[in-house]
Amino acid sequence: MDKFWDFLIELERSQMCCGSGFDSQKSSETCTVFLKAGETYKKQATLYRCEACKQIRKKLCNQFYRPKMDVDEHNKKLKLELNANLTSKQAMEKEKEKCTSASKTIIDREILSLPPIQQESVRACFAAAKLKNSRQRRYSIEWVYECLLMRIKSPSVYERLRSKQILSLPCKDTLQ
Protein backbone atom coordinates (compact mmCIF):
# COMPACT_ATOMS: atom_id res chain seq x y z
CA MET A 1 0.00 0.00 0.00
CA ASP A 2 2.92 2.34 0.66
CA LYS A 3 4.07 1.89 -2.91
CA PHE A 4 0.65 2.96 -4.13
CA TRP A 5 0.72 6.16 -2.05
CA ASP A 6 4.29 6.87 -3.17
CA PHE A 7 3.15 6.41 -6.74
CA LEU A 8 0.29 8.89 -6.27
CA ILE A 9 2.60 11.45 -4.68
CA GLU A 10 5.06 11.02 -7.55
CA LEU A 11 2.18 11.38 -10.00
CA GLU A 12 1.13 14.66 -8.38
CA ARG A 13 4.67 16.04 -8.60
CA SER A 14 5.15 15.06 -12.22
CA GLN A 15 4.40 17.53 -14.97
CA MET A 16 1.96 16.39 -17.62
CA CYS A 17 1.56 17.73 -21.12
CA CYS A 18 -1.78 19.45 -21.58
CA GLY A 19 -1.78 19.01 -25.37
CA SER A 20 -2.23 21.79 -27.89
CA GLY A 21 -4.93 23.50 -25.86
CA PHE A 22 -7.53 23.55 -28.65
CA ASP A 23 -9.25 20.24 -27.92
CA SER A 24 -8.28 16.77 -26.81
CA GLN A 25 -7.99 15.46 -30.35
CA LYS A 26 -5.44 18.07 -31.41
CA SER A 27 -2.34 16.92 -29.60
CA SER A 28 0.79 15.53 -31.13
CA GLU A 29 0.98 11.84 -32.01
CA THR A 30 4.44 11.76 -30.46
CA CYS A 31 3.22 13.25 -27.17
CA THR A 32 4.14 11.05 -24.18
CA VAL A 33 1.75 12.88 -21.80
CA PHE A 34 4.38 12.83 -19.01
CA LEU A 35 7.17 15.34 -19.45
CA LYS A 36 10.68 13.98 -19.19
CA ALA A 37 13.14 15.22 -16.60
CA GLY A 38 15.07 17.18 -19.27
CA GLU A 39 11.95 19.10 -20.24
CA THR A 40 11.78 21.21 -17.10
CA TYR A 41 10.61 24.76 -17.50
CA LYS A 42 12.33 27.92 -16.36
CA LYS A 43 9.01 29.57 -15.59
CA GLN A 44 6.29 28.11 -13.49
CA ALA A 45 3.23 27.67 -15.64
CA THR A 46 -0.18 26.28 -14.97
CA LEU A 47 -0.16 24.38 -18.26
CA TYR A 48 2.86 22.43 -19.43
CA ARG A 49 3.38 21.31 -23.01
CA CYS A 50 5.91 19.01 -24.61
CA GLU A 51 7.85 20.26 -27.65
CA ALA A 52 5.70 18.36 -30.16
CA CYS A 53 2.47 19.82 -28.73
CA LYS A 54 4.05 23.31 -28.67
CA GLN A 55 4.77 23.05 -32.39
CA ILE A 56 1.24 21.88 -33.16
CA ARG A 57 -0.20 24.72 -31.04
CA LYS A 58 1.97 27.24 -32.88
CA LYS A 59 0.77 25.96 -36.26
CA LEU A 60 -2.87 25.99 -35.15
CA CYS A 61 -2.54 29.51 -33.72
CA ASN A 62 -1.06 30.71 -36.99
CA GLN A 63 -4.05 29.26 -38.83
CA PHE A 64 -6.58 30.87 -36.49
CA TYR A 65 -4.96 34.29 -36.28
CA ARG A 66 -4.38 34.76 -39.97
CA PRO A 67 -5.98 38.07 -40.88
CA LYS A 68 -9.28 37.26 -42.51
CA MET A 69 -11.52 39.87 -44.00
CA ASP A 70 -15.06 39.45 -42.80
CA VAL A 71 -18.06 40.10 -45.01
CA ASP A 72 -18.73 43.62 -43.71
CA GLU A 73 -15.15 44.76 -44.30
CA HIS A 74 -15.18 43.17 -47.75
CA ASN A 75 -18.46 44.89 -48.67
CA LYS A 76 -17.18 48.22 -47.37
CA LYS A 77 -13.98 47.92 -49.42
CA LEU A 78 -15.98 46.92 -52.49
CA LYS A 79 -18.34 49.87 -52.05
CA LEU A 80 -15.39 52.29 -51.76
CA GLU A 81 -13.84 50.90 -54.94
CA LEU A 82 -17.15 51.11 -56.80
CA ASN A 83 -17.61 54.72 -55.70
CA ALA A 84 -14.07 55.56 -56.80
CA ASN A 85 -14.74 53.95 -60.19
CA LEU A 86 -18.02 55.80 -60.53
CA THR A 87 -16.48 59.20 -59.75
CA SER A 88 -13.62 58.60 -62.18
CA LYS A 89 -16.09 57.56 -64.89
CA GLN A 90 -18.15 60.68 -64.26
CA ALA A 91 -15.04 62.85 -64.46
CA MET A 92 -14.05 61.15 -67.71
CA GLU A 93 -17.54 61.70 -69.16
CA LYS A 94 -17.37 65.40 -68.23
CA GLU A 95 -14.02 65.73 -69.97
CA LYS A 96 -15.39 63.95 -73.06
CA GLU A 97 -18.36 66.32 -73.16
CA LYS A 98 -16.02 69.25 -72.72
CA CYS A 99 -13.88 68.09 -75.66
CA THR A 100 -16.87 67.44 -77.90
CA SER A 101 -18.47 70.78 -77.06
CA ALA A 102 -15.25 72.69 -77.75
CA SER A 103 -15.20 74.17 -81.21
CA LYS A 104 -12.61 73.14 -83.77
CA THR A 105 -11.04 76.60 -83.80
CA ILE A 106 -10.37 76.50 -80.05
CA ILE A 107 -8.76 73.05 -80.35
CA ASP A 108 -6.67 74.16 -83.33
CA ARG A 109 -5.56 77.27 -81.44
CA GLU A 110 -4.45 75.11 -78.48
CA ILE A 111 -2.65 72.68 -80.78
CA LEU A 112 -0.77 75.54 -82.46
CA SER A 113 0.74 76.50 -79.11
CA LEU A 114 2.54 73.11 -79.02
CA PRO A 115 5.85 72.25 -80.72
CA PRO A 116 5.50 70.91 -84.30
CA ILE A 117 6.18 67.25 -83.45
CA GLN A 118 3.62 67.30 -80.64
CA GLN A 119 1.12 69.02 -82.93
CA GLU A 120 1.41 66.12 -85.34
CA SER A 121 0.93 63.51 -82.61
CA VAL A 122 -2.12 65.32 -81.15
CA ARG A 123 -3.70 65.62 -84.59
CA ALA A 124 -3.07 61.92 -85.22
CA CYS A 125 -4.71 61.04 -81.89
CA PHE A 126 -7.76 63.21 -82.65
CA ALA A 127 -8.05 61.68 -86.11
CA ALA A 128 -7.82 58.16 -84.66
CA ALA A 129 -10.43 58.96 -82.01
CA LYS A 130 -12.96 60.03 -84.64
CA LEU A 131 -12.79 56.67 -86.43
CA LYS A 132 -14.73 53.66 -85.24
CA ASN A 133 -12.59 51.10 -87.07
CA SER A 134 -8.82 51.12 -86.63
CA ARG A 135 -8.32 49.92 -90.22
CA GLN A 136 -9.65 53.21 -91.56
CA ARG A 137 -6.81 55.26 -90.10
CA ARG A 138 -4.80 57.46 -92.42
CA TYR A 139 -1.46 58.86 -91.29
CA SER A 140 0.45 61.88 -92.50
CA ILE A 141 3.95 61.34 -93.85
CA GLU A 142 5.54 63.28 -90.98
CA TRP A 143 3.73 61.16 -88.41
CA VAL A 144 4.83 57.95 -90.13
CA TYR A 145 8.44 59.19 -90.07
CA GLU A 146 8.19 59.96 -86.36
CA CYS A 147 6.69 56.53 -85.69
CA LEU A 148 9.45 54.90 -87.71
CA LEU A 149 12.08 56.72 -85.63
CA MET A 150 10.36 55.64 -82.39
CA ARG A 151 10.28 52.04 -83.57
CA ILE A 152 13.96 52.11 -84.55
CA LYS A 153 14.96 53.54 -81.15
CA SER A 154 12.96 51.06 -79.09
CA PRO A 155 10.81 48.38 -80.74
CA SER A 156 9.52 47.03 -77.42
CA VAL A 157 8.32 50.45 -76.23
CA TYR A 158 6.75 51.09 -79.63
CA GLU A 159 4.81 47.79 -79.47
CA ARG A 160 3.69 48.52 -75.90
CA LEU A 161 2.44 52.00 -76.81
CA ARG A 162 0.68 50.55 -79.82
CA SER A 163 -0.86 47.50 -78.10
CA LYS A 164 -2.13 49.50 -75.10
CA GLN A 165 -3.40 52.19 -77.52
CA ILE A 166 -1.62 54.94 -75.61
CA LEU A 167 -0.80 56.61 -78.92
CA SER A 168 -2.38 56.01 -82.31
CA LEU A 169 0.62 54.31 -83.87
CA PRO A 170 0.58 52.43 -87.16
CA CYS A 171 1.39 48.74 -87.17
CA LYS A 172 4.84 47.55 -88.23
CA ASP A 173 3.55 46.45 -91.64
CA THR A 174 2.40 50.01 -92.35
CA LEU A 175 5.84 51.34 -91.46
CA GLN A 176 7.56 48.93 -93.86
C-alpha atoms as a PDB file:
ATOM      1  CA  MET A   1       0.000   0.000   0.000  1.00  0.00           C
ATOM      2  CA  ASP A   2       2.924   2.343   0.664  1.00  0.00           C
ATOM      3  CA  LYS A   3       4.069   1.895  -2.912  1.00  0.00           C
ATOM      4  CA  PHE A   4       0.651   2.960  -4.129  1.00  0.00           C
ATOM      5  CA  TRP A   5       0.717   6.157  -2.050  1.00  0.00           C
ATOM      6  CA  ASP A   6       4.286   6.874  -3.174  1.00  0.00           C
ATOM      7  CA  PHE A   7       3.149   6.406  -6.742  1.00  0.00           C
ATOM      8  CA  LEU A   8       0.288   8.893  -6.269  1.00  0.00           C
ATOM      9  CA  ILE A   9       2.600  11.452  -4.677  1.00  0.00           C
ATOM     10  CA  GLU A  10       5.063  11.022  -7.553  1.00  0.00           C
ATOM     11  CA  LEU A  11       2.182  11.380 -10.003  1.00  0.00           C
ATOM     12  CA  GLU A  12       1.133  14.663  -8.384  1.00  0.00           C
ATOM     13  CA  ARG A  13       4.674  16.036  -8.599  1.00  0.00           C
ATOM     14  CA  SER A  14       5.146  15.060 -12.225  1.00  0.00           C
ATOM     15  CA  GLN A  15       4.404  17.534 -14.973  1.00  0.00           C
ATOM     16  CA  MET A  16       1.959  16.394 -17.620  1.00  0.00           C
ATOM     17  CA  CYS A  17       1.564  17.731 -21.116  1.00  0.00           C
ATOM     18  CA  CYS A  18      -1.783  19.449 -21.575  1.00  0.00           C
ATOM     19  CA  GLY A  19      -1.784  19.009 -25.371  1.00  0.00           C
ATOM     20  CA  SER A  20      -2.235  21.788 -27.886  1.00  0.00           C
ATOM     21  CA  GLY A  21      -4.935  23.500 -25.863  1.00  0.00           C
ATOM     22  CA  PHE A  22      -7.529  23.548 -28.647  1.00  0.00           C
ATOM     23  CA  ASP A  23      -9.253  20.243 -27.922  1.00  0.00           C
ATOM     24  CA  SER A  24      -8.276  16.770 -26.807  1.00  0.00           C
ATOM     25  CA  GLN A  25      -7.989  15.460 -30.355  1.00  0.00           C
ATOM     26  CA  LYS A  26      -5.444  18.071 -31.405  1.00  0.00           C
ATOM     27  CA  SER A  27      -2.345  16.919 -29.600  1.00  0.00           C
ATOM     28  CA  SER A  28       0.793  15.528 -31.135  1.00  0.00           C
ATOM     29  CA  GLU A  29       0.977  11.842 -32.013  1.00  0.00           C
ATOM     30  CA  THR A  30       4.436  11.761 -30.465  1.00  0.00           C
ATOM     31  CA  CYS A  31       3.218  13.248 -27.169  1.00  0.00           C
ATOM     32  CA  THR A  32       4.138  11.047 -24.182  1.00  0.00           C
ATOM     33  CA  VAL A  33       1.747  12.882 -21.799  1.00  0.00           C
ATOM     34  CA  PHE A  34       4.377  12.833 -19.013  1.00  0.00           C
ATOM     35  CA  LEU A  35       7.171  15.337 -19.453  1.00  0.00           C
ATOM     36  CA  LYS A  36      10.676  13.980 -19.187  1.00  0.00           C
ATOM     37  CA  ALA A  37      13.140  15.221 -16.604  1.00  0.00           C
ATOM     38  CA  GLY A  38      15.069  17.176 -19.266  1.00  0.00           C
ATOM     39  CA  GLU A  39      11.947  19.105 -20.243  1.00  0.00           C
ATOM     40  CA  THR A  40      11.777  21.208 -17.104  1.00  0.00           C
ATOM     41  CA  TYR A  41      10.607  24.758 -17.498  1.00  0.00           C
ATOM     42  CA  LYS A  42      12.329  27.924 -16.364  1.00  0.00           C
ATOM     43  CA  LYS A  43       9.007  29.568 -15.586  1.00  0.00           C
ATOM     44  CA  GLN A  44       6.290  28.115 -13.494  1.00  0.00           C
ATOM     45  CA  ALA A  45       3.232  27.673 -15.644  1.00  0.00           C
ATOM     46  CA  THR A  46      -0.184  26.283 -14.966  1.00  0.00           C
ATOM     47  CA  LEU A  47      -0.158  24.376 -18.258  1.00  0.00           C
ATOM     48  CA  TYR A  48       2.856  22.430 -19.427  1.00  0.00           C
ATOM     49  CA  ARG A  49       3.378  21.313 -23.012  1.00  0.00           C
ATOM     50  CA  CYS A  50       5.910  19.006 -24.614  1.00  0.00           C
ATOM     51  CA  GLU A  51       7.852  20.261 -27.649  1.00  0.00           C
ATOM     52  CA  ALA A  52       5.696  18.359 -30.158  1.00  0.00           C
ATOM     53  CA  CYS A  53       2.466  19.824 -28.729  1.00  0.00           C
ATOM     54  CA  LYS A  54       4.051  23.305 -28.672  1.00  0.00           C
ATOM     55  CA  GLN A  55       4.772  23.049 -32.393  1.00  0.00           C
ATOM     56  CA  ILE A  56       1.242  21.885 -33.160  1.00  0.00           C
ATOM     57  CA  ARG A  57      -0.197  24.721 -31.036  1.00  0.00           C
ATOM     58  CA  LYS A  58       1.965  27.243 -32.875  1.00  0.00           C
ATOM     59  CA  LYS A  59       0.766  25.964 -36.256  1.00  0.00           C
ATOM     60  CA  LEU A  60      -2.870  25.994 -35.145  1.00  0.00           C
ATOM     61  CA  CYS A  61      -2.544  29.515 -33.719  1.00  0.00           C
ATOM     62  CA  ASN A  62      -1.063  30.714 -36.994  1.00  0.00           C
ATOM     63  CA  GLN A  63      -4.049  29.261 -38.833  1.00  0.00           C
ATOM     64  CA  PHE A  64      -6.578  30.868 -36.485  1.00  0.00           C
ATOM     65  CA  TYR A  65      -4.964  34.286 -36.280  1.00  0.00           C
ATOM     66  CA  ARG A  66      -4.377  34.756 -39.971  1.00  0.00           C
ATOM     67  CA  PRO A  67      -5.977  38.067 -40.875  1.00  0.00           C
ATOM     68  CA  LYS A  68      -9.283  37.257 -42.511  1.00  0.00           C
ATOM     69  CA  MET A  69     -11.517  39.866 -43.995  1.00  0.00           C
ATOM     70  CA  ASP A  70     -15.057  39.452 -42.801  1.00  0.00           C
ATOM     71  CA  VAL A  71     -18.058  40.103 -45.007  1.00  0.00           C
ATOM     72  CA  ASP A  72     -18.732  43.620 -43.705  1.00  0.00           C
ATOM     73  CA  GLU A  73     -15.154  44.765 -44.305  1.00  0.00           C
ATOM     74  CA  HIS A  74     -15.178  43.174 -47.753  1.00  0.00           C
ATOM     75  CA  ASN A  75     -18.460  44.888 -48.670  1.00  0.00           C
ATOM     76  CA  LYS A  76     -17.178  48.224 -47.372  1.00  0.00           C
ATOM     77  CA  LYS A  77     -13.981  47.918 -49.415  1.00  0.00           C
ATOM     78  CA  LEU A  78     -15.978  46.919 -52.494  1.00  0.00           C
ATOM     79  CA  LYS A  79     -18.336  49.873 -52.051  1.00  0.00           C
ATOM     80  CA  LEU A  80     -15.395  52.292 -51.760  1.00  0.00           C
ATOM     81  CA  GLU A  81     -13.840  50.899 -54.939  1.00  0.00           C
ATOM     82  CA  LEU A  82     -17.148  51.111 -56.804  1.00  0.00           C
ATOM     83  CA  ASN A  83     -17.607  54.724 -55.696  1.00  0.00           C
ATOM     84  CA  ALA A  84     -14.069  55.563 -56.804  1.00  0.00           C
ATOM     85  CA  ASN A  85     -14.735  53.949 -60.191  1.00  0.00           C
ATOM     86  CA  LEU A  86     -18.019  55.799 -60.528  1.00  0.00           C
ATOM     87  CA  THR A  87     -16.480  59.199 -59.754  1.00  0.00           C
ATOM     88  CA  SER A  88     -13.616  58.603 -62.176  1.00  0.00           C
ATOM     89  CA  LYS A  89     -16.092  57.558 -64.887  1.00  0.00           C
ATOM     90  CA  GLN A  90     -18.147  60.678 -64.256  1.00  0.00           C
ATOM     91  CA  ALA A  91     -15.037  62.854 -64.461  1.00  0.00           C
ATOM     92  CA  MET A  92     -14.054  61.148 -67.706  1.00  0.00           C
ATOM     93  CA  GLU A  93     -17.538  61.700 -69.163  1.00  0.00           C
ATOM     94  CA  LYS A  94     -17.369  65.395 -68.227  1.00  0.00           C
ATOM     95  CA  GLU A  95     -14.016  65.728 -69.972  1.00  0.00           C
ATOM     96  CA  LYS A  96     -15.390  63.952 -73.055  1.00  0.00           C
ATOM     97  CA  GLU A  97     -18.356  66.323 -73.164  1.00  0.00           C
ATOM     98  CA  LYS A  98     -16.021  69.251 -72.717  1.00  0.00           C
ATOM     99  CA  CYS A  99     -13.882  68.090 -75.656  1.00  0.00           C
ATOM    100  CA  THR A 100     -16.872  67.443 -77.901  1.00  0.00           C
ATOM    101  CA  SER A 101     -18.465  70.780 -77.064  1.00  0.00           C
ATOM    102  CA  ALA A 102     -15.246  72.694 -77.747  1.00  0.00           C
ATOM    103  CA  SER A 103     -15.202  74.170 -81.214  1.00  0.00           C
ATOM    104  CA  LYS A 104     -12.610  73.135 -83.766  1.00  0.00           C
ATOM    105  CA  THR A 105     -11.037  76.597 -83.801  1.00  0.00           C
ATOM    106  CA  ILE A 106     -10.366  76.496 -80.048  1.00  0.00           C
ATOM    107  CA  ILE A 107      -8.764  73.053 -80.348  1.00  0.00           C
ATOM    108  CA  ASP A 108      -6.666  74.164 -83.328  1.00  0.00           C
ATOM    109  CA  ARG A 109      -5.557  77.268 -81.440  1.00  0.00           C
ATOM    110  CA  GLU A 110      -4.452  75.112 -78.477  1.00  0.00           C
ATOM    111  CA  ILE A 111      -2.653  72.682 -80.785  1.00  0.00           C
ATOM    112  CA  LEU A 112      -0.775  75.539 -82.459  1.00  0.00           C
ATOM    113  CA  SER A 113       0.741  76.498 -79.109  1.00  0.00           C
ATOM    114  CA  LEU A 114       2.536  73.108 -79.021  1.00  0.00           C
ATOM    115  CA  PRO A 115       5.851  72.246 -80.719  1.00  0.00           C
ATOM    116  CA  PRO A 116       5.503  70.909 -84.304  1.00  0.00           C
ATOM    117  CA  ILE A 117       6.185  67.254 -83.449  1.00  0.00           C
ATOM    118  CA  GLN A 118       3.623  67.298 -80.642  1.00  0.00           C
ATOM    119  CA  GLN A 119       1.119  69.024 -82.934  1.00  0.00           C
ATOM    120  CA  GLU A 120       1.410  66.116 -85.343  1.00  0.00           C
ATOM    121  CA  SER A 121       0.929  63.515 -82.609  1.00  0.00           C
ATOM    122  CA  VAL A 122      -2.116  65.320 -81.153  1.00  0.00           C
ATOM    123  CA  ARG A 123      -3.699  65.625 -84.589  1.00  0.00           C
ATOM    124  CA  ALA A 124      -3.072  61.915 -85.221  1.00  0.00           C
ATOM    125  CA  CYS A 125      -4.709  61.045 -81.889  1.00  0.00           C
ATOM    126  CA  PHE A 126      -7.764  63.209 -82.645  1.00  0.00           C
ATOM    127  CA  ALA A 127      -8.047  61.678 -86.114  1.00  0.00           C
ATOM    128  CA  ALA A 128      -7.816  58.163 -84.660  1.00  0.00           C
ATOM    129  CA  ALA A 129     -10.431  58.963 -82.012  1.00  0.00           C
ATOM    130  CA  LYS A 130     -12.960  60.031 -84.641  1.00  0.00           C
ATOM    131  CA  LEU A 131     -12.786  56.672 -86.433  1.00  0.00           C
ATOM    132  CA  LYS A 132     -14.730  53.656 -85.242  1.00  0.00           C
ATOM    133  CA  ASN A 133     -12.592  51.103 -87.071  1.00  0.00           C
ATOM    134  CA  SER A 134      -8.821  51.124 -86.628  1.00  0.00           C
ATOM    135  CA  ARG A 135      -8.320  49.917 -90.225  1.00  0.00           C
ATOM    136  CA  GLN A 136      -9.647  53.209 -91.556  1.00  0.00           C
ATOM    137  CA  ARG A 137      -6.807  55.264 -90.102  1.00  0.00           C
ATOM    138  CA  ARG A 138      -4.798  57.461 -92.420  1.00  0.00           C
ATOM    139  CA  TYR A 139      -1.462  58.856 -91.285  1.00  0.00           C
ATOM    140  CA  SER A 140       0.447  61.876 -92.498  1.00  0.00           C
ATOM    141  CA  ILE A 141       3.947  61.335 -93.845  1.00  0.00           C
ATOM    142  CA  GLU A 142       5.544  63.282 -90.982  1.00  0.00           C
ATOM    143  CA  TRP A 143       3.726  61.160 -88.413  1.00  0.00           C
ATOM    144  CA  VAL A 144       4.830  57.946 -90.133  1.00  0.00           C
ATOM    145  CA  TYR A 145       8.438  59.190 -90.072  1.00  0.00           C
ATOM    146  CA  GLU A 146       8.194  59.961 -86.355  1.00  0.00           C
ATOM    147  CA  CYS A 147       6.691  56.528 -85.694  1.00  0.00           C
ATOM    148  CA  LEU A 148       9.453  54.900 -87.711  1.00  0.00           C
ATOM    149  CA  LEU A 149      12.078  56.718 -85.630  1.00  0.00           C
ATOM    150  CA  MET A 150      10.357  55.638 -82.391  1.00  0.00           C
ATOM    151  CA  ARG A 151      10.276  52.040 -83.575  1.00  0.00           C
ATOM    152  CA  ILE A 152      13.958  52.107 -84.547  1.00  0.00           C
ATOM    153  CA  LYS A 153      14.961  53.540 -81.155  1.00  0.00           C
ATOM    154  CA  SER A 154      12.958  51.059 -79.089  1.00  0.00           C
ATOM    155  CA  PRO A 155      10.806  48.381 -80.744  1.00  0.00           C
ATOM    156  CA  SER A 156       9.517  47.026 -77.425  1.00  0.00           C
ATOM    157  CA  VAL A 157       8.316  50.446 -76.231  1.00  0.00           C
ATOM    158  CA  TYR A 158       6.746  51.086 -79.631  1.00  0.00           C
ATOM    159  CA  GLU A 159       4.811  47.793 -79.466  1.00  0.00           C
ATOM    160  CA  ARG A 160       3.688  48.518 -75.896  1.00  0.00           C
ATOM    161  CA  LEU A 161       2.440  52.002 -76.810  1.00  0.00           C
ATOM    162  CA  ARG A 162       0.680  50.550 -79.815  1.00  0.00           C
ATOM    163  CA  SER A 163      -0.862  47.499 -78.102  1.00  0.00           C
ATOM    164  CA  LYS A 164      -2.131  49.498 -75.097  1.00  0.00           C
ATOM    165  CA  GLN A 165      -3.396  52.191 -77.516  1.00  0.00           C
ATOM    166  CA  ILE A 166      -1.617  54.941 -75.608  1.00  0.00           C
ATOM    167  CA  LEU A 167      -0.805  56.612 -78.921  1.00  0.00           C
ATOM    168  CA  SER A 168      -2.375  56.009 -82.307  1.00  0.00           C
ATOM    169  CA  LEU A 169       0.620  54.306 -83.869  1.00  0.00           C
ATOM    170  CA  PRO A 170       0.582  52.430 -87.161  1.00  0.00           C
ATOM    171  CA  CYS A 171       1.393  48.737 -87.175  1.00  0.00           C
ATOM    172  CA  LYS A 172       4.838  47.547 -88.231  1.00  0.00           C
ATOM    173  CA  ASP A 173       3.548  46.445 -91.645  1.00  0.00           C
ATOM    174  CA  THR A 174       2.403  50.009 -92.352  1.00  0.00           C
ATOM    175  CA  LEU A 175       5.836  51.335 -91.457  1.00  0.00           C
ATOM    176  CA  GLN A 176       7.557  48.934 -93.857  1.00  0.00           C
END
